[in-house]
Amino acid sequence: MDARLLSPEDLVRITGAKRYSKQRRWFHDEFGVEVVTRDNGSIVMTWATFSQLVAKRAGVVLPRDNETGKPNVKLHFD
C-alpha cells in the first residue's frame, strides 16, 4: 500500500483546479466523497486511497468480507 500523500501539484493535475474548494468539489462530483482536509482547506489523501477510488469507479474493486474487511476472493477450478 502506498502511504505517500498526493502533493499539491498532483492534486492540480488530477482535478484541474488550483483552489482547494474546487478540488474538494471535484472529488465530491467525481467520486461522491467528502475528502479529509487540513485546517487551511488543503486535501490530505494518499495515493493508495486515490487508487482505490479510481478502481471502485472502474468497477474493479473486490468485494470485502464483512467481518475481516479483507477482500473476499473465491477461487474456482473447473
PDB file of N, CA and C in Angstrom:
ATOM      1  N   MET A   1       0.841  -1.178   0.000  1.00  0.00           N
ATOM      2  CA  MET A   1       0.000   0.000   0.000  1.00  0.00           C
ATOM      3  C   MET A   1       0.886   1.242   0.000  1.00  0.00           C
ATOM      4  N   ASP A   2       0.523   2.218  -0.801  1.00  0.00           N
ATOM      5  CA  ASP A   2       1.322   3.432  -0.941  1.00  0.00           C
ATOM      6  C   ASP A   2       0.818   4.495   0.023  1.00  0.00           C
ATOM      7  N   ALA A   3       1.632   4.821   1.025  1.00  0.00           N
ATOM      8  CA  ALA A   3       1.243   5.787   2.046  1.00  0.00           C
ATOM      9  C   ALA A   3       1.669   7.207   1.698  1.00  0.00           C
ATOM     10  N   ARG A   4       2.295   7.397   0.528  1.00  0.00           N
ATOM     11  CA  ARG A   4       2.697   8.753   0.137  1.00  0.00           C
ATOM     12  C   ARG A   4       1.461   9.610  -0.100  1.00  0.00           C
ATOM     13  N   LEU A   5       1.549  10.853   0.333  1.00  0.00           N
ATOM     14  CA  LEU A   5       0.436  11.774   0.134  1.00  0.00           C
ATOM     15  C   LEU A   5       0.484  12.383  -1.260  1.00  0.00           C
ATOM     16  N   LEU A   6      -0.685  12.694  -1.784  1.00  0.00           N
ATOM     17  CA  LEU A   6      -0.748  13.456  -3.027  1.00  0.00           C
ATOM     18  C   LEU A   6      -0.167  14.838  -2.752  1.00  0.00           C
ATOM     19  N   SER A   7       0.704  15.294  -3.615  1.00  0.00           N
ATOM     20  CA  SER A   7       1.290  16.625  -3.452  1.00  0.00           C
ATOM     21  C   SER A   7       0.310  17.671  -3.986  1.00  0.00           C
ATOM     22  N   PRO A   8       0.539  18.935  -3.649  1.00  0.00           N
ATOM     23  CA  PRO A   8      -0.308  19.991  -4.215  1.00  0.00           C
ATOM     24  C   PRO A   8      -0.293  19.967  -5.753  1.00  0.00           C
ATOM     25  N   GLU A   9       0.857  19.676  -6.331  1.00  0.00           N
ATOM     26  CA  GLU A   9       0.957  19.592  -7.790  1.00  0.00           C
ATOM     27  C   GLU A   9       0.152  18.412  -8.332  1.00  0.00           C
ATOM     28  N   ASP A  10       0.195  17.273  -7.616  1.00  0.00           N
ATOM     29  CA  ASP A  10      -0.598  16.106  -8.015  1.00  0.00           C
ATOM     30  C   ASP A  10      -2.084  16.446  -8.020  1.00  0.00           C
ATOM     31  N   LEU A  11      -2.526  17.141  -6.983  1.00  0.00           N
ATOM     32  CA  LEU A  11      -3.945  17.486  -6.884  1.00  0.00           C
ATOM     33  C   LEU A  11      -4.371  18.421  -8.009  1.00  0.00           C
ATOM     34  N   VAL A  12      -3.511  19.338  -8.397  1.00  0.00           N
ATOM     35  CA  VAL A  12      -3.830  20.228  -9.515  1.00  0.00           C
ATOM     36  C   VAL A  12      -3.927  19.420 -10.809  1.00  0.00           C
ATOM     37  N   ARG A  13      -2.972  18.499 -11.031  1.00  0.00           N
ATOM     38  CA  ARG A  13      -3.004  17.667 -12.236  1.00  0.00           C
ATOM     39  C   ARG A  13      -4.246  16.787 -12.266  1.00  0.00           C
ATOM     40  N   ILE A  14      -4.609  16.207 -11.137  1.00  0.00           N
ATOM     41  CA  ILE A  14      -5.755  15.294 -11.075  1.00  0.00           C
ATOM     42  C   ILE A  14      -7.069  16.035 -11.263  1.00  0.00           C
ATOM     43  N   THR A  15      -7.243  17.122 -10.528  1.00  0.00           N
ATOM     44  CA  THR A  15      -8.539  17.815 -10.514  1.00  0.00           C
ATOM     45  C   THR A  15      -8.657  18.909 -11.563  1.00  0.00           C
ATOM     46  N   GLY A  16      -7.521  19.432 -12.025  1.00  0.00           N
ATOM     47  CA  GLY A  16      -7.543  20.549 -12.943  1.00  0.00           C
ATOM     48  C   GLY A  16      -7.839  21.873 -12.260  1.00  0.00           C
ATOM     49  N   ALA A  17      -7.810  21.876 -10.915  1.00  0.00           N
ATOM     50  CA  ALA A  17      -8.137  23.082 -10.150  1.00  0.00           C
ATOM     51  C   ALA A  17      -7.018  23.422  -9.180  1.00  0.00           C
ATOM     52  N   LYS A  18      -6.801  24.708  -8.975  1.00  0.00           N
ATOM     53  CA  LYS A  18      -5.795  25.151  -8.014  1.00  0.00           C
ATOM     54  C   LYS A  18      -6.414  25.458  -6.651  1.00  0.00           C
ATOM     55  N   ARG A  19      -7.642  25.936  -6.651  1.00  0.00           N
ATOM     56  CA  ARG A  19      -8.292  26.312  -5.391  1.00  0.00           C
ATOM     57  C   ARG A  19      -8.746  25.058  -4.642  1.00  0.00           C
ATOM     58  N   TYR A  20      -8.506  25.057  -3.330  1.00  0.00           N
ATOM     59  CA  TYR A  20      -8.855  23.896  -2.508  1.00  0.00           C
ATOM     60  C   TYR A  20     -10.339  23.581  -2.584  1.00  0.00           C
ATOM     61  N   SER A  21     -11.169  24.605  -2.573  1.00  0.00           N
ATOM     62  CA  SER A  21     -12.620  24.379  -2.605  1.00  0.00           C
ATOM     63  C   SER A  21     -13.033  23.700  -3.908  1.00  0.00           C
ATOM     64  N   LYS A  22     -12.413  24.068  -5.011  1.00  0.00           N
ATOM     65  CA  LYS A  22     -12.743  23.434  -6.289  1.00  0.00           C
ATOM     66  C   LYS A  22     -12.214  22.009  -6.354  1.00  0.00           C
ATOM     67  N   GLN A  23     -11.067  21.763  -5.729  1.00  0.00           N
ATOM     68  CA  GLN A  23     -10.540  20.399  -5.662  1.00  0.00           C
ATOM     69  C   GLN A  23     -11.476  19.515  -4.849  1.00  0.00           C
ATOM     70  N   ARG A  24     -11.941  20.037  -3.708  1.00  0.00           N
ATOM     71  CA  ARG A  24     -12.877  19.259  -2.879  1.00  0.00           C
ATOM     72  C   ARG A  24     -14.165  18.976  -3.651  1.00  0.00           C
ATOM     73  N   ARG A  25     -14.671  19.967  -4.356  1.00  0.00           N
ATOM     74  CA  ARG A  25     -15.891  19.800  -5.150  1.00  0.00           C
ATOM     75  C   ARG A  25     -15.678  18.755  -6.244  1.00  0.00           C
ATOM     76  N   TRP A  26     -14.490  18.755  -6.866  1.00  0.00           N
ATOM     77  CA  TRP A  26     -14.197  17.779  -7.903  1.00  0.00           C
ATOM     78  C   TRP A  26     -14.271  16.360  -7.345  1.00  0.00           C
ATOM     79  N   PHE A  27     -13.657  16.136  -6.175  1.00  0.00           N
ATOM     80  CA  PHE A  27     -13.710  14.797  -5.574  1.00  0.00           C
ATOM     81  C   PHE A  27     -15.138  14.411  -5.234  1.00  0.00           C
ATOM     82  N   HIS A  28     -15.927  15.355  -4.770  1.00  0.00           N
ATOM     83  CA  HIS A  28     -17.326  15.066  -4.452  1.00  0.00           C
ATOM     84  C   HIS A  28     -18.099  14.728  -5.724  1.00  0.00           C
ATOM     85  N   ASP A  29     -17.912  15.519  -6.768  1.00  0.00           N
ATOM     86  CA  ASP A  29     -18.639  15.289  -8.010  1.00  0.00           C
ATOM     87  C   ASP A  29     -18.211  14.007  -8.709  1.00  0.00           C
ATOM     88  N   GLU A  30     -16.913  13.725  -8.707  1.00  0.00           N
ATOM     89  CA  GLU A  30     -16.401  12.551  -9.426  1.00  0.00           C
ATOM     90  C   GLU A  30     -16.589  11.241  -8.671  1.00  0.00           C
ATOM     91  N   PHE A  31     -16.391  11.267  -7.351  1.00  0.00           N
ATOM     92  CA  PHE A  31     -16.400  10.038  -6.566  1.00  0.00           C
ATOM     93  C   PHE A  31     -17.465   9.994  -5.478  1.00  0.00           C
ATOM     94  N   GLY A  32     -18.142  11.119  -5.245  1.00  0.00           N
ATOM     95  CA  GLY A  32     -19.183  11.149  -4.218  1.00  0.00           C
ATOM     96  C   GLY A  32     -18.636  11.070  -2.806  1.00  0.00           C
ATOM     97  N   VAL A  33     -17.424  11.592  -2.588  1.00  0.00           N
ATOM     98  CA  VAL A  33     -16.803  11.523  -1.260  1.00  0.00           C
ATOM     99  C   VAL A  33     -16.496  12.919  -0.737  1.00  0.00           C
ATOM    100  N   GLU A  34     -16.540  13.042   0.570  1.00  0.00           N
ATOM    101  CA  GLU A  34     -16.067  14.244   1.254  1.00  0.00           C
ATOM    102  C   GLU A  34     -14.636  13.946   1.686  1.00  0.00           C
ATOM    103  N   VAL A  35     -13.693  14.697   1.162  1.00  0.00           N
ATOM    104  CA  VAL A  35     -12.283  14.422   1.431  1.00  0.00           C
ATOM    105  C   VAL A  35     -11.843  15.005   2.774  1.00  0.00           C
ATOM    106  N   VAL A  36     -10.789  14.431   3.328  1.00  0.00           N
ATOM    107  CA  VAL A  36     -10.184  14.931   4.558  1.00  0.00           C
ATOM    108  C   VAL A  36      -9.342  16.144   4.199  1.00  0.00           C
ATOM    109  N   THR A  37      -9.442  17.187   5.025  1.00  0.00           N
ATOM    110  CA  THR A  37      -8.694  18.412   4.749  1.00  0.00           C
ATOM    111  C   THR A  37      -7.914  18.873   5.974  1.00  0.00           C
ATOM    112  N   ARG A  38      -6.906  19.676   5.698  1.00  0.00           N
ATOM    113  CA  ARG A  38      -6.143  20.326   6.771  1.00  0.00           C
ATOM    114  C   ARG A  38      -6.899  21.582   7.201  1.00  0.00           C
ATOM    115  N   ASP A  39      -6.381  22.250   8.233  1.00  0.00           N
ATOM    116  CA  ASP A  39      -7.007  23.479   8.718  1.00  0.00           C
ATOM    117  C   ASP A  39      -7.110  24.546   7.636  1.00  0.00           C
ATOM    118  N   ASN A  40      -6.158  24.565   6.708  1.00  0.00           N
ATOM    119  CA  ASN A  40      -6.180  25.585   5.654  1.00  0.00           C
ATOM    120  C   ASN A  40      -7.062  25.198   4.473  1.00  0.00           C
ATOM    121  N   GLY A  41      -7.692  24.020   4.521  1.00  0.00           N
ATOM    122  CA  GLY A  41      -8.599  23.582   3.464  1.00  0.00           C
ATOM    123  C   GLY A  41      -7.969  22.685   2.429  1.00  0.00           C
ATOM    124  N   SER A  42      -6.649  22.483   2.486  1.00  0.00           N
ATOM    125  CA  SER A  42      -5.995  21.624   1.507  1.00  0.00           C
ATOM    126  C   SER A  42      -6.321  20.152   1.782  1.00  0.00           C
ATOM    127  N   ILE A  43      -6.333  19.379   0.714  1.00  0.00           N
ATOM    128  CA  ILE A  43      -6.720  17.968   0.792  1.00  0.00           C
ATOM    129  C   ILE A  43      -5.573  17.109   1.300  1.00  0.00           C
ATOM    130  N   VAL A  44      -5.909  16.147   2.157  1.00  0.00           N
ATOM    131  CA  VAL A  44      -4.961  15.145   2.648  1.00  0.00           C
ATOM    132  C   VAL A  44      -5.445  13.796   2.132  1.00  0.00           C
ATOM    133  N   MET A  45      -4.671  13.219   1.188  1.00  0.00           N
ATOM    134  CA  MET A  45      -5.067  11.931   0.615  1.00  0.00           C
ATOM    135  C   MET A  45      -3.820  11.184   0.176  1.00  0.00           C
ATOM    136  N   THR A  46      -3.801   9.884   0.440  1.00  0.00           N
ATOM    137  CA  THR A  46      -2.686   9.063  -0.018  1.00  0.00           C
ATOM    138  C   THR A  46      -2.945   8.601  -1.449  1.00  0.00           C
ATOM    139  N   TRP A  47      -1.867   8.214  -2.101  1.00  0.00           N
ATOM    140  CA  TRP A  47      -2.004   7.646  -3.437  1.00  0.00           C
ATOM    141  C   TRP A  47      -2.816   6.356  -3.399  1.00  0.00           C
ATOM    142  N   ALA A  48      -2.660   5.585  -2.327  1.00  0.00           N
ATOM    143  CA  ALA A  48      -3.407   4.334  -2.202  1.00  0.00           C
ATOM    144  C   ALA A  48      -4.908   4.604  -2.154  1.00  0.00           C
ATOM    145  N   THR A  49      -5.313   5.628  -1.411  1.00  0.00           N
ATOM    146  CA  THR A  49      -6.731   5.976  -1.334  1.00  0.00           C
ATOM    147  C   THR A  49      -7.247   6.426  -2.690  1.00  0.00           C
ATOM    148  N   PHE A  50      -6.482   7.276  -3.363  1.00  0.00           N
ATOM    149  CA  PHE A  50      -6.896   7.739  -4.684  1.00  0.00           C
ATOM    150  C   PHE A  50      -7.010   6.559  -5.651  1.00  0.00           C
ATOM    151  N   SER A  51      -6.058   5.644  -5.599  1.00  0.00           N
ATOM    152  CA  SER A  51      -6.099   4.461  -6.466  1.00  0.00           C
ATOM    153  C   SER A  51      -7.339   3.623  -6.209  1.00  0.00           C
ATOM    154  N   GLN A  52      -7.718   3.489  -4.933  1.00  0.00           N
ATOM    155  CA  GLN A  52      -8.928   2.740  -4.589  1.00  0.00           C
ATOM    156  C   GLN A  52     -10.180   3.416  -5.135  1.00  0.00           C
ATOM    157  N   LEU A  53     -10.233   4.739  -5.054  1.00  0.00           N
ATOM    158  CA  LEU A  53     -11.374   5.472  -5.598  1.00  0.00           C
ATOM    159  C   LEU A  53     -11.503   5.256  -7.099  1.00  0.00           C
ATOM    160  N   VAL A  54     -10.372   5.319  -7.794  1.00  0.00           N
ATOM    161  CA  VAL A  54     -10.383   5.119  -9.242  1.00  0.00           C
ATOM    162  C   VAL A  54     -10.801   3.685  -9.574  1.00  0.00           C
ATOM    163  N   ALA A  55     -10.267   2.717  -8.836  1.00  0.00           N
ATOM    164  CA  ALA A  55     -10.610   1.316  -9.083  1.00  0.00           C
ATOM    165  C   ALA A  55     -12.094   1.061  -8.822  1.00  0.00           C
ATOM    166  N   LYS A  56     -12.618   1.637  -7.760  1.00  0.00           N
ATOM    167  CA  LYS A  56     -14.039   1.455  -7.442  1.00  0.00           C
ATOM    168  C   LYS A  56     -14.906   2.029  -8.549  1.00  0.00           C
ATOM    169  N   ARG A  57     -14.537   3.204  -9.020  1.00  0.00           N
ATOM    170  CA  ARG A  57     -15.308   3.830 -10.094  1.00  0.00           C
ATOM    171  C   ARG A  57     -15.257   2.997 -11.367  1.00  0.00           C
ATOM    172  N   ALA A  58     -14.125   2.343 -11.598  1.00  0.00           N
ATOM    173  CA  ALA A  58     -13.969   1.497 -12.782  1.00  0.00           C
ATOM    174  C   ALA A  58     -14.619   0.127 -12.601  1.00  0.00           C
ATOM    175  N   GLY A  59     -15.066  -0.166 -11.381  1.00  0.00           N
ATOM    176  CA  GLY A  59     -15.736  -1.434 -11.124  1.00  0.00           C
ATOM    177  C   GLY A  59     -14.801  -2.602 -10.916  1.00  0.00           C
ATOM    178  N   VAL A  60     -13.562  -2.347 -10.530  1.00  0.00           N
ATOM    179  CA  VAL A  60     -12.608  -3.443 -10.360  1.00  0.00           C
ATOM    180  C   VAL A  60     -12.244  -3.710  -8.900  1.00  0.00           C
ATOM    181  N   VAL A  61     -12.976  -3.138  -7.973  1.00  0.00           N
ATOM    182  CA  VAL A  61     -12.701  -3.362  -6.559  1.00  0.00           C
ATOM    183  C   VAL A  61     -13.342  -4.678  -6.135  1.00  0.00           C
ATOM    184  N   LEU A  62     -12.569  -5.477  -5.413  1.00  0.00           N
ATOM    185  CA  LEU A  62     -13.080  -6.754  -4.937  1.00  0.00           C
ATOM    186  C   LEU A  62     -14.042  -6.543  -3.772  1.00  0.00           C
ATOM    187  N   PRO A  63     -15.101  -7.350  -3.685  1.00  0.00           N
ATOM    188  CA  PRO A  63     -15.975  -7.257  -2.511  1.00  0.00           C
ATOM    189  C   PRO A  63     -15.196  -7.636  -1.259  1.00  0.00           C
ATOM    190  N   ARG A  64     -15.555  -7.062  -0.119  1.00  0.00           N
ATOM    191  CA  ARG A  64     -14.830  -7.308   1.129  1.00  0.00           C
ATOM    192  C   ARG A  64     -15.682  -8.134   2.089  1.00  0.00           C
ATOM    193  N   ASP A  65     -14.999  -8.956   2.874  1.00  0.00           N
ATOM    194  CA  ASP A  65     -15.646  -9.740   3.912  1.00  0.00           C
ATOM    195  C   ASP A  65     -16.130  -8.796   5.009  1.00  0.00           C
ATOM    196  N   ASN A  66     -17.370  -8.934   5.451  1.00  0.00           N
ATOM    197  CA  ASN A  66     -17.940  -8.038   6.460  1.00  0.00           C
ATOM    198  C   ASN A  66     -17.244  -8.110   7.809  1.00  0.00           C
ATOM    199  N   GLU A  67     -16.704  -9.261   8.163  1.00  0.00           N
ATOM    200  CA  GLU A  67     -16.070  -9.418   9.474  1.00  0.00           C
ATOM    201  C   GLU A  67     -14.615  -8.972   9.479  1.00  0.00           C
ATOM    202  N   THR A  68     -13.855  -9.377   8.478  1.00  0.00           N
ATOM    203  CA  THR A  68     -12.422  -9.085   8.480  1.00  0.00           C
ATOM    204  C   THR A  68     -12.061  -7.836   7.698  1.00  0.00           C
ATOM    205  N   GLY A  69     -12.901  -7.431   6.764  1.00  0.00           N
ATOM    206  CA  GLY A  69     -12.596  -6.287   5.929  1.00  0.00           C
ATOM    207  C   GLY A  69     -11.620  -6.596   4.805  1.00  0.00           C
ATOM    208  N   LYS A  70     -11.175  -7.853   4.743  1.00  0.00           N
ATOM    209  CA  LYS A  70     -10.235  -8.254   3.693  1.00  0.00           C
ATOM    210  C   LYS A  70     -11.014  -8.599   2.426  1.00  0.00           C
ATOM    211  N   PRO A  71     -10.354  -8.500   1.262  1.00  0.00           N
ATOM    212  CA  PRO A  71     -11.040  -8.870   0.017  1.00  0.00           C
ATOM    213  C   PRO A  71     -11.577 -10.293   0.089  1.00  0.00           C
ATOM    214  N   ASN A  72     -12.792 -10.460  -0.382  1.00  0.00           N
ATOM    215  CA  ASN A  72     -13.454 -11.753  -0.370  1.00  0.00           C
ATOM    216  C   ASN A  72     -13.241 -12.404  -1.733  1.00  0.00           C
ATOM    217  N   VAL A  73     -12.205 -13.218  -1.822  1.00  0.00           N
ATOM    218  CA  VAL A  73     -11.832 -13.852  -3.080  1.00  0.00           C
ATOM    219  C   VAL A  73     -12.163 -15.331  -3.003  1.00  0.00           C
ATOM    220  N   LYS A  74     -12.858 -15.823  -4.012  1.00  0.00           N
ATOM    221  CA  LYS A  74     -13.183 -17.242  -4.097  1.00  0.00           C
ATOM    222  C   LYS A  74     -12.579 -17.788  -5.372  1.00  0.00           C
ATOM    223  N   LEU A  75     -11.747 -18.788  -5.233  1.00  0.00           N
ATOM    224  CA  LEU A  75     -11.130 -19.414  -6.388  1.00  0.00           C
ATOM    225  C   LEU A  75     -11.995 -20.551  -6.875  1.00  0.00           C
ATOM    226  N   HIS A  76     -12.192 -20.630  -8.165  1.00  0.00           N
ATOM    227  CA  HIS A  76     -12.988 -21.691  -8.762  1.00  0.00           C
ATOM    228  C   HIS A  76     -12.125 -22.414  -9.780  1.00  0.00           C
ATOM    229  N   PHE A  77     -11.998 -23.707  -9.593  1.00  0.00           N
ATOM    230  CA  PHE A  77     -11.228 -24.511 -10.516  1.00  0.00           C
ATOM    231  C   PHE A  77     -12.182 -25.440 -11.260  1.00  0.00           C
ATOM    232  N   ASP A  78     -12.132 -25.383 -12.560  1.00  0.00           N
ATOM    233  CA  ASP A  78     -13.004 -26.231 -13.377  1.00  0.00           C
ATOM    234  C   ASP A  78     -12.277 -27.463 -13.830  1.00  0.00           C
TER     235      ASP A  78
END
